[in-house]
PDB file of N, CA and C in Angstrom:
ATOM      1  N   MET A   1      12.646   1.137  41.337  1.00  0.00           N
ATOM      2  CA  MET A   1      12.582  -0.273  40.988  1.00  0.00           C
ATOM      3  C   MET A   1      13.697  -0.958  41.963  1.00  0.00           C
ATOM      4  N   ALA A   2      13.151  -1.974  42.445  1.00  0.00           N
ATOM      5  CA  ALA A   2      14.965  -2.829  42.724  1.00  0.00           C
ATOM      6  C   ALA A   2      15.480  -3.339  41.450  1.00  0.00           C
ATOM      7  N   VAL A   3      16.763  -3.462  41.775  1.00  0.00           N
ATOM      8  CA  VAL A   3      17.514  -3.958  40.713  1.00  0.00           C
ATOM      9  C   VAL A   3      18.973  -4.623  41.634  1.00  0.00           C
ATOM     10  N   SER A   4      19.182  -5.937  41.252  1.00  0.00           N
ATOM     11  CA  SER A   4      19.844  -6.156  41.526  1.00  0.00           C
ATOM     12  C   SER A   4      21.645  -5.998  41.542  1.00  0.00           C
ATOM     13  N   SER A   5      22.068  -4.879  40.632  1.00  0.00           N
ATOM     14  CA  SER A   5      23.452  -4.723  40.250  1.00  0.00           C
ATOM     15  C   SER A   5      23.339  -3.450  40.150  1.00  0.00           C
ATOM     16  N   LYS A   6      24.839  -2.814  40.313  1.00  0.00           N
ATOM     17  CA  LYS A   6      24.193  -1.117  39.165  1.00  0.00           C
ATOM     18  C   LYS A   6      24.412  -1.379  37.678  1.00  0.00           C
ATOM     19  N   SER A   7      25.178  -2.377  37.002  1.00  0.00           N
ATOM     20  CA  SER A   7      24.925  -2.988  36.007  1.00  0.00           C
ATOM     21  C   SER A   7      23.737  -3.248  35.738  1.00  0.00           C
ATOM     22  N   ALA A   8      22.752  -3.841  36.301  1.00  0.00           N
ATOM     23  CA  ALA A   8      20.764  -4.255  35.884  1.00  0.00           C
ATOM     24  C   ALA A   8      20.633  -2.861  36.163  1.00  0.00           C
ATOM     25  N   ALA A   9      21.109  -1.917  36.936  1.00  0.00           N
ATOM     26  CA  ALA A   9      20.273  -0.320  37.097  1.00  0.00           C
ATOM     27  C   ALA A   9      20.594   0.796  36.308  1.00  0.00           C
ATOM     28  N   LYS A  10      21.586   0.490  35.341  1.00  0.00           N
ATOM     29  CA  LYS A  10      22.085   1.264  33.889  1.00  0.00           C
ATOM     30  C   LYS A  10      21.116   0.643  33.053  1.00  0.00           C
ATOM     31  N   ARG A  11      21.367  -0.449  33.100  1.00  0.00           N
ATOM     32  CA  ARG A  11      20.257  -1.455  31.987  1.00  0.00           C
ATOM     33  C   ARG A  11      19.193  -0.754  31.416  1.00  0.00           C
ATOM     34  N   LEU A  12      18.563  -0.832  32.940  1.00  0.00           N
ATOM     35  CA  LEU A  12      16.921  -0.658  33.046  1.00  0.00           C
ATOM     36  C   LEU A  12      17.053   1.222  32.248  1.00  0.00           C
ATOM     37  N   ARG A  13      18.108   1.929  33.194  1.00  0.00           N
ATOM     38  CA  ARG A  13      17.569   3.372  32.723  1.00  0.00           C
ATOM     39  C   ARG A  13      17.490   3.575  30.601  1.00  0.00           C
ATOM     40  N   ASN A  14      18.953   2.462  30.193  1.00  0.00           N
ATOM     41  CA  ASN A  14      19.466   3.016  29.194  1.00  0.00           C
ATOM     42  C   ASN A  14      17.888   2.192  28.045  1.00  0.00           C
ATOM     43  N   SER A  15      17.214   1.068  29.146  1.00  0.00           N
ATOM     44  CA  SER A  15      16.649   0.478  28.020  1.00  0.00           C
ATOM     45  C   SER A  15      15.015   1.086  28.062  1.00  0.00           C
ATOM     46  N   VAL A  16      14.844   2.247  29.265  1.00  0.00           N
ATOM     47  CA  VAL A  16      13.677   2.411  29.548  1.00  0.00           C
ATOM     48  C   VAL A  16      13.897   3.656  28.191  1.00  0.00           C
ATOM     49  N   LYS A  17      14.644   4.741  28.078  1.00  0.00           N
ATOM     50  CA  LYS A  17      15.570   5.806  27.364  1.00  0.00           C
ATOM     51  C   LYS A  17      15.419   5.439  25.603  1.00  0.00           C
ATOM     52  N   SER A  18      15.638   4.236  25.413  1.00  0.00           N
ATOM     53  CA  SER A  18      15.758   3.825  23.733  1.00  0.00           C
ATOM     54  C   SER A  18      14.126   3.004  23.341  1.00  0.00           C
ATOM     55  N   ASN A  19      13.480   2.883  24.784  1.00  0.00           N
ATOM     56  CA  ASN A  19      12.104   2.452  24.596  1.00  0.00           C
ATOM     57  C   ASN A  19      11.442   3.805  24.118  1.00  0.00           C
ATOM     58  N   LEU A  20      11.514   4.670  24.895  1.00  0.00           N
ATOM     59  CA  LEU A  20      10.661   5.771  24.230  1.00  0.00           C
ATOM     60  C   LEU A  20      11.473   6.606  23.564  1.00  0.00           C
ATOM     61  N   ARG A  21      12.801   6.399  22.607  1.00  0.00           N
ATOM     62  CA  ARG A  21      12.735   6.921  21.839  1.00  0.00           C
ATOM     63  C   ARG A  21      12.419   5.950  20.268  1.00  0.00           C
ATOM     64  N   ASN A  22      12.491   4.497  20.961  1.00  0.00           N
ATOM     65  CA  ASN A  22      11.960   3.928  19.530  1.00  0.00           C
ATOM     66  C   ASN A  22      10.287   3.588  18.840  1.00  0.00           C
ATOM     67  N   ARG A  23       9.682   4.264  19.968  1.00  0.00           N
ATOM     68  CA  ARG A  23       8.207   4.661  20.230  1.00  0.00           C
ATOM     69  C   ARG A  23       7.814   5.563  19.438  1.00  0.00           C
ATOM     70  N   ALA A  24       8.739   6.580  19.988  1.00  0.00           N
ATOM     71  CA  ALA A  24       8.283   7.978  19.271  1.00  0.00           C
ATOM     72  C   ALA A  24       8.571   7.713  17.431  1.00  0.00           C
ATOM     73  N   ARG A  25      10.315   7.639  17.447  1.00  0.00           N
ATOM     74  CA  ARG A  25      10.148   6.833  15.813  1.00  0.00           C
ATOM     75  C   ARG A  25       9.237   6.224  15.021  1.00  0.00           C
ATOM     76  N   LYS A  26       8.514   5.197  15.793  1.00  0.00           N
ATOM     77  CA  LYS A  26       7.985   4.241  14.791  1.00  0.00           C
ATOM     78  C   LYS A  26       6.455   5.320  14.870  1.00  0.00           C
ATOM     79  N   SER A  27       6.315   5.666  15.992  1.00  0.00           N
ATOM     80  CA  SER A  27       4.613   6.768  15.627  1.00  0.00           C
ATOM     81  C   SER A  27       4.696   7.933  14.354  1.00  0.00           C
ATOM     82  N   GLU A  28       6.130   8.348  14.860  1.00  0.00           N
ATOM     83  CA  GLU A  28       6.491   9.199  13.753  1.00  0.00           C
ATOM     84  C   GLU A  28       6.415   8.875  12.227  1.00  0.00           C
ATOM     85  N   LEU A  29       6.966   7.150  11.989  1.00  0.00           N
ATOM     86  CA  LEU A  29       7.283   6.536  10.697  1.00  0.00           C
ATOM     87  C   LEU A  29       5.387   6.181  10.269  1.00  0.00           C
ATOM     88  N   LYS A  30       4.448   6.257  11.047  1.00  0.00           N
ATOM     89  CA  LYS A  30       3.160   5.365  11.253  1.00  0.00           C
ATOM     90  C   LYS A  30       2.596   6.388  10.655  1.00  0.00           C
ATOM     91  N   THR A  31       2.585   7.640  11.221  1.00  0.00           N
ATOM     92  CA  THR A  31       1.672   8.885  11.090  1.00  0.00           C
ATOM     93  C   THR A  31       2.539   9.085   9.275  1.00  0.00           C
ATOM     94  N   LEU A  32       3.578   9.140   9.001  1.00  0.00           N
ATOM     95  CA  LEU A  32       4.069   9.482   7.263  1.00  0.00           C
ATOM     96  C   LEU A  32       3.423   8.599   6.386  1.00  0.00           C
ATOM     97  N   GLU A  33       3.290   7.410   7.172  1.00  0.00           N
ATOM     98  CA  GLU A  33       3.357   5.831   5.988  1.00  0.00           C
ATOM     99  C   GLU A  33       1.350   6.383   6.157  1.00  0.00           C
ATOM    100  N   LYS A  34       0.537   6.455   7.062  1.00  0.00           N
ATOM    101  CA  LYS A  34      -0.589   7.103   6.415  1.00  0.00           C
ATOM    102  C   LYS A  34      -1.009   8.330   5.902  1.00  0.00           C
ATOM    103  N   ASN A  35      -0.011   9.524   6.303  1.00  0.00           N
ATOM    104  CA  ASN A  35      -0.237  10.724   5.006  1.00  0.00           C
ATOM    105  C   ASN A  35       0.199  10.263   3.634  1.00  0.00           C
ATOM    106  N   PHE A  36       1.018   9.561   3.488  1.00  0.00           N
ATOM    107  CA  PHE A  36       1.948   8.508   2.291  1.00  0.00           C
ATOM    108  C   PHE A  36       0.155   8.186   1.835  1.00  0.00           C
ATOM    109  N   ARG A  37      -0.295   7.178   1.917  1.00  0.00           N
ATOM    110  CA  ARG A  37      -1.514   6.204   1.836  1.00  0.00           C
ATOM    111  C   ARG A  37      -2.135   6.828   1.659  1.00  0.00           C
ATOM    112  N   ALA A  38      -2.710   8.246   2.212  1.00  0.00           N
ATOM    113  CA  ALA A  38      -3.582   8.998   2.381  1.00  0.00           C
ATOM    114  C   ALA A  38      -3.859   9.611   0.956  1.00  0.00           C
ATOM    115  N   ALA A  39      -2.371  10.339   0.970  1.00  0.00           N
ATOM    116  CA  ALA A  39      -2.130  10.958  -0.550  1.00  0.00           C
ATOM    117  C   ALA A  39      -2.363   9.900  -2.057  1.00  0.00           C
ATOM    118  N   VAL A  40      -1.928   8.603  -1.855  1.00  0.00           N
ATOM    119  CA  VAL A  40      -1.947   7.841  -3.033  1.00  0.00           C
ATOM    120  C   VAL A  40      -3.177   7.071  -3.007  1.00  0.00           C
ATOM    121  N   ALA A  41      -4.167   7.049  -2.250  1.00  0.00           N
ATOM    122  CA  ALA A  41      -5.519   7.645  -2.730  1.00  0.00           C
ATOM    123  C   ALA A  41      -6.162   8.331  -3.259  1.00  0.00           C
ATOM    124  N   ALA A  42      -5.998   9.686  -2.426  1.00  0.00           N
ATOM    125  CA  ALA A  42      -6.541  10.209  -3.088  1.00  0.00           C
ATOM    126  C   ALA A  42      -6.283  11.284  -4.626  1.00  0.00           C
ATOM    127  N   GLY A  43      -4.915  10.753  -5.055  1.00  0.00           N
ATOM    128  CA  GLY A  43      -4.907  10.599  -5.835  1.00  0.00           C
ATOM    129  C   GLY A  43      -3.932  11.748  -6.907  1.00  0.00           C
ATOM    130  N   GLU A  44      -3.030  12.296  -5.587  1.00  0.00           N
ATOM    131  CA  GLU A  44      -2.215  13.404  -5.269  1.00  0.00           C
ATOM    132  C   GLU A  44      -0.851  13.001  -5.509  1.00  0.00           C
ATOM    133  N   LYS A  45      -0.288  13.187  -6.895  1.00  0.00           N
ATOM    134  CA  LYS A  45       0.807  12.725  -7.287  1.00  0.00           C
ATOM    135  C   LYS A  45       2.182  12.944  -6.977  1.00  0.00           C
ATOM    136  N   ASP A  46       2.064  14.583  -6.658  1.00  0.00           N
ATOM    137  CA  ASP A  46       3.245  15.224  -5.868  1.00  0.00           C
ATOM    138  C   ASP A  46       2.940  15.202  -4.825  1.00  0.00           C
ATOM    139  N   THR A  47       1.943  15.235  -3.391  1.00  0.00           N
ATOM    140  CA  THR A  47       2.161  14.999  -2.466  1.00  0.00           C
ATOM    141  C   THR A  47       2.705  13.656  -2.083  1.00  0.00           C
ATOM    142  N   ALA A  48       2.123  13.130  -3.014  1.00  0.00           N
ATOM    143  CA  ALA A  48       2.787  10.976  -3.344  1.00  0.00           C
ATOM    144  C   ALA A  48       4.152  11.262  -2.844  1.00  0.00           C
ATOM    145  N   ALA A  49       4.772  11.634  -4.198  1.00  0.00           N
ATOM    146  CA  ALA A  49       6.163  11.576  -4.456  1.00  0.00           C
ATOM    147  C   ALA A  49       6.943  12.394  -3.177  1.00  0.00           C
ATOM    148  N   GLU A  50       6.533  13.321  -2.758  1.00  0.00           N
ATOM    149  CA  GLU A  50       7.447  13.861  -1.615  1.00  0.00           C
ATOM    150  C   GLU A  50       6.856  13.236  -0.450  1.00  0.00           C
ATOM    151  N   LEU A  51       5.952  12.662  -0.114  1.00  0.00           N
ATOM    152  CA  LEU A  51       5.855  11.450   1.206  1.00  0.00           C
ATOM    153  C   LEU A  51       6.500  10.649   1.325  1.00  0.00           C
ATOM    154  N   HIS A  52       6.605   9.983  -0.676  1.00  0.00           N
ATOM    155  CA  HIS A  52       7.126   8.505  -0.288  1.00  0.00           C
ATOM    156  C   HIS A  52       8.978   8.392  -0.315  1.00  0.00           C
ATOM    157  N   SER A  53       9.356   9.643  -0.874  1.00  0.00           N
ATOM    158  CA  SER A  53      10.422  10.077  -0.843  1.00  0.00           C
ATOM    159  C   SER A  53      10.967  10.525   0.839  1.00  0.00           C
ATOM    160  N   LYS A  54      10.326  11.159   1.707  1.00  0.00           N
ATOM    161  CA  LYS A  54      10.265  11.057   3.193  1.00  0.00           C
ATOM    162  C   LYS A  54      10.115   9.492   3.712  1.00  0.00           C
ATOM    163  N   CYS A  55       9.143   8.995   3.739  1.00  0.00           N
ATOM    164  CA  CYS A  55       9.075   8.265   4.315  1.00  0.00           C
ATOM    165  C   CYS A  55      10.257   6.609   4.059  1.00  0.00           C
ATOM    166  N   CYS A  56      11.049   6.600   2.469  1.00  0.00           N
ATOM    167  CA  CYS A  56      12.039   5.903   2.225  1.00  0.00           C
ATOM    168  C   CYS A  56      13.104   6.320   3.631  1.00  0.00           C
ATOM    169  N   SER A  57      13.371   7.682   3.256  1.00  0.00           N
ATOM    170  CA  SER A  57      13.789   8.024   4.269  1.00  0.00           C
ATOM    171  C   SER A  57      14.324   8.037   5.394  1.00  0.00           C
ATOM    172  N   ARG A  58      13.130   8.111   6.120  1.00  0.00           N
ATOM    173  CA  ARG A  58      12.984   8.066   7.985  1.00  0.00           C
ATOM    174  C   ARG A  58      12.985   6.572   7.976  1.00  0.00           C
ATOM    175  N   VAL A  59      12.291   5.434   6.993  1.00  0.00           N
ATOM    176  CA  VAL A  59      13.025   4.359   6.983  1.00  0.00           C
ATOM    177  C   VAL A  59      14.395   3.832   7.521  1.00  0.00           C
ATOM    178  N   ASP A  60      14.987   4.546   6.465  1.00  0.00           N
ATOM    179  CA  ASP A  60      16.577   4.174   6.631  1.00  0.00           C
ATOM    180  C   ASP A  60      16.697   4.407   8.043  1.00  0.00           C
ATOM    181  N   LYS A  61      16.738   5.679   8.248  1.00  0.00           N
ATOM    182  CA  LYS A  61      17.070   6.038   9.363  1.00  0.00           C
ATOM    183  C   LYS A  61      16.485   5.529  10.673  1.00  0.00           C
ATOM    184  N   ALA A  62      15.715   4.537  10.300  1.00  0.00           N
ATOM    185  CA  ALA A  62      14.938   4.265  11.407  1.00  0.00           C
ATOM    186  C   ALA A  62      15.959   3.127  11.904  1.00  0.00           C
ATOM    187  N   VAL A  63      16.401   2.489  10.937  1.00  0.00           N
ATOM    188  CA  VAL A  63      17.279   1.323  10.635  1.00  0.00           C
ATOM    189  C   VAL A  63      18.395   1.191  11.145  1.00  0.00           C
ATOM    190  N   LYS A  64      19.250   2.096  10.465  1.00  0.00           N
ATOM    191  CA  LYS A  64      20.272   3.172  10.992  1.00  0.00           C
ATOM    192  C   LYS A  64      20.300   3.108  12.677  1.00  0.00           C
ATOM    193  N   ALA A  65      19.443   3.319  13.299  1.00  0.00           N
ATOM    194  CA  ALA A  65      19.446   3.950  15.092  1.00  0.00           C
ATOM    195  C   ALA A  65      19.399   2.522  14.954  1.00  0.00           C
ATOM    196  N   GLY A  66      18.915   1.379  14.610  1.00  0.00           N
ATOM    197  CA  GLY A  66      18.454   0.465  15.695  1.00  0.00           C
ATOM    198  C   GLY A  66      16.902   0.077  15.533  1.00  0.00           C
ATOM    199  N   THR A  67      15.820   0.671  15.422  1.00  0.00           N
ATOM    200  CA  THR A  67      14.940   0.723  15.848  1.00  0.00           C
ATOM    201  C   THR A  67      13.927  -0.188  14.704  1.00  0.00           C
ATOM    202  N   TYR A  68      14.412  -0.323  13.548  1.00  0.00           N
ATOM    203  CA  TYR A  68      13.252  -1.348  12.535  1.00  0.00           C
ATOM    204  C   TYR A  68      14.763  -2.483  11.962  1.00  0.00           C
ATOM    205  N   HIS A  69      14.430  -3.009  11.811  1.00  0.00           N
ATOM    206  CA  HIS A  69      15.599  -4.693  11.388  1.00  0.00           C
ATOM    207  C   HIS A  69      15.612  -4.285   9.756  1.00  0.00           C
ATOM    208  N   ALA A  70      16.623  -4.548   9.382  1.00  0.00           N
ATOM    209  CA  ALA A  70      16.794  -4.293   7.766  1.00  0.00           C
ATOM    210  C   ALA A  70      15.887  -5.338   6.888  1.00  0.00           C
ATOM    211  N   ASN A  71      15.856  -5.816   6.877  1.00  0.00           N
ATOM    212  CA  ASN A  71      14.568  -6.731   5.779  1.00  0.00           C
ATOM    213  C   ASN A  71      13.300  -6.095   6.078  1.00  0.00           C
ATOM    214  N   LYS A  72      12.695  -5.323   7.401  1.00  0.00           N
ATOM    215  CA  LYS A  72      10.988  -5.040   7.490  1.00  0.00           C
ATOM    216  C   LYS A  72      11.499  -3.689   6.953  1.00  0.00           C
ATOM    217  N   ALA A  73      12.247  -3.065   6.944  1.00  0.00           N
ATOM    218  CA  ALA A  73      12.579  -1.758   6.050  1.00  0.00           C
ATOM    219  C   ALA A  73      12.616  -2.161   4.145  1.00  0.00           C
ATOM    220  N   ALA A  74      13.228  -2.805   4.217  1.00  0.00           N
ATOM    221  CA  ALA A  74      13.243  -3.544   2.388  1.00  0.00           C
ATOM    222  C   ALA A  74      11.662  -3.685   2.292  1.00  0.00           C
ATOM    223  N   ASN A  75      11.259  -4.571   2.889  1.00  0.00           N
ATOM    224  CA  ASN A  75       9.852  -4.337   3.000  1.00  0.00           C
ATOM    225  C   ASN A  75       8.527  -3.388   2.892  1.00  0.00           C
ATOM    226  N   LYS A  76       8.883  -2.544   3.527  1.00  0.00           N
ATOM    227  CA  LYS A  76       7.899  -1.396   3.802  1.00  0.00           C
ATOM    228  C   LYS A  76       8.358  -0.515   2.328  1.00  0.00           C
ATOM    229  N   LYS A  77       9.620  -0.389   1.824  1.00  0.00           N
ATOM    230  CA  LYS A  77       9.951   0.446   0.873  1.00  0.00           C
ATOM    231  C   LYS A  77       9.591  -0.173  -0.341  1.00  0.00           C
ATOM    232  N   SER A  78       9.713  -1.488  -0.014  1.00  0.00           N
ATOM    233  CA  SER A  78       9.041  -2.264  -1.781  1.00  0.00           C
ATOM    234  C   SER A  78       7.720  -1.562  -1.921  1.00  0.00           C
ATOM    235  N   GLN A  79       6.740  -2.303  -0.583  1.00  0.00           N
ATOM    236  CA  GLN A  79       5.265  -1.460  -0.338  1.00  0.00           C
ATOM    237  C   GLN A  79       4.790   0.530  -0.951  1.00  0.00           C
ATOM    238  N   PHE A  80       6.045   0.756  -0.481  1.00  0.00           N
ATOM    239  CA  PHE A  80       5.995   2.200  -0.970  1.00  0.00           C
ATOM    240  C   PHE A  80       6.448   2.200  -2.626  1.00  0.00           C
ATOM    241  N   ASP A  81       7.462   1.375  -3.287  1.00  0.00           N
ATOM    242  CA  ASP A  81       7.455   1.524  -4.221  1.00  0.00           C
ATOM    243  C   ASP A  81       6.366   1.207  -5.168  1.00  0.00           C
ATOM    244  N   LYS A  82       5.634   0.026  -4.804  1.00  0.00           N
ATOM    245  CA  LYS A  82       4.302  -0.327  -5.210  1.00  0.00           C
ATOM    246  C   LYS A  82       3.049   0.450  -5.201  1.00  0.00           C
ATOM    247  N   LEU A  83       3.137   1.178  -3.972  1.00  0.00           N
ATOM    248  CA  LEU A  83       1.516   2.341  -4.114  1.00  0.00           C
ATOM    249  C   LEU A  83       2.316   3.091  -5.664  1.00  0.00           C
ATOM    250  N   MET A  84       3.227   3.168  -5.151  1.00  0.00           N
ATOM    251  CA  MET A  84       3.663   4.855  -6.594  1.00  0.00           C
ATOM    252  C   MET A  84       3.335   4.552  -7.851  1.00  0.00           C
ATOM    253  N   ALA A  85       4.450   2.756  -8.465  1.00  0.00           N
ATOM    254  CA  ALA A  85       3.805   2.731  -9.192  1.00  0.00           C
ATOM    255  C   ALA A  85       2.721   2.524  -9.944  1.00  0.00           C
ATOM    256  N   GLY A  86       1.609   1.853  -8.944  1.00  0.00           N
ATOM    257  CA  GLY A  86       0.263   1.565  -9.404  1.00  0.00           C
ATOM    258  C   GLY A  86      -0.505   2.900  -9.585  1.00  0.00           C
ATOM    259  N   MET A  87      -0.125   4.219  -8.861  1.00  0.00           N
ATOM    260  CA  MET A  87      -0.894   5.679  -9.294  1.00  0.00           C
ATOM    261  C   MET A  87       0.241   6.055 -10.585  1.00  0.00           C
ATOM    262  N   GLN A  88       1.081   5.617 -11.016  1.00  0.00           N
ATOM    263  CA  GLN A  88       1.712   5.725 -12.253  1.00  0.00           C
ATOM    264  C   GLN A  88       1.199   5.524 -13.300  1.00  0.00           C
ATOM    265  N   ALA A  89       0.266   4.187 -13.454  1.00  0.00           N
ATOM    266  CA  ALA A  89       0.035   3.692 -14.586  1.00  0.00           C
ATOM    267  C   ALA A  89      -1.340   3.751 -14.796  1.00  0.00           C
TER     268      ALA A  89
END
């Protein structure tokens, strides 16, 4: 790809790398969330509790890495908490 300057070339290289990292991280989070929701739907409390903790942890790490915005993470964690609370009732 032709770029106009050295700094533009470096930004392009870095953005491609970070895009790949972010996509991998988001894919992992989506898979975890899907497994968590399946466990909740099946009524598997132990599995759901373990996945809940793992999902929340991974979402926090995604925020720390800059993949997710903090508000999105808060919304996701709130959804997870509501699902867990619904299982307890």
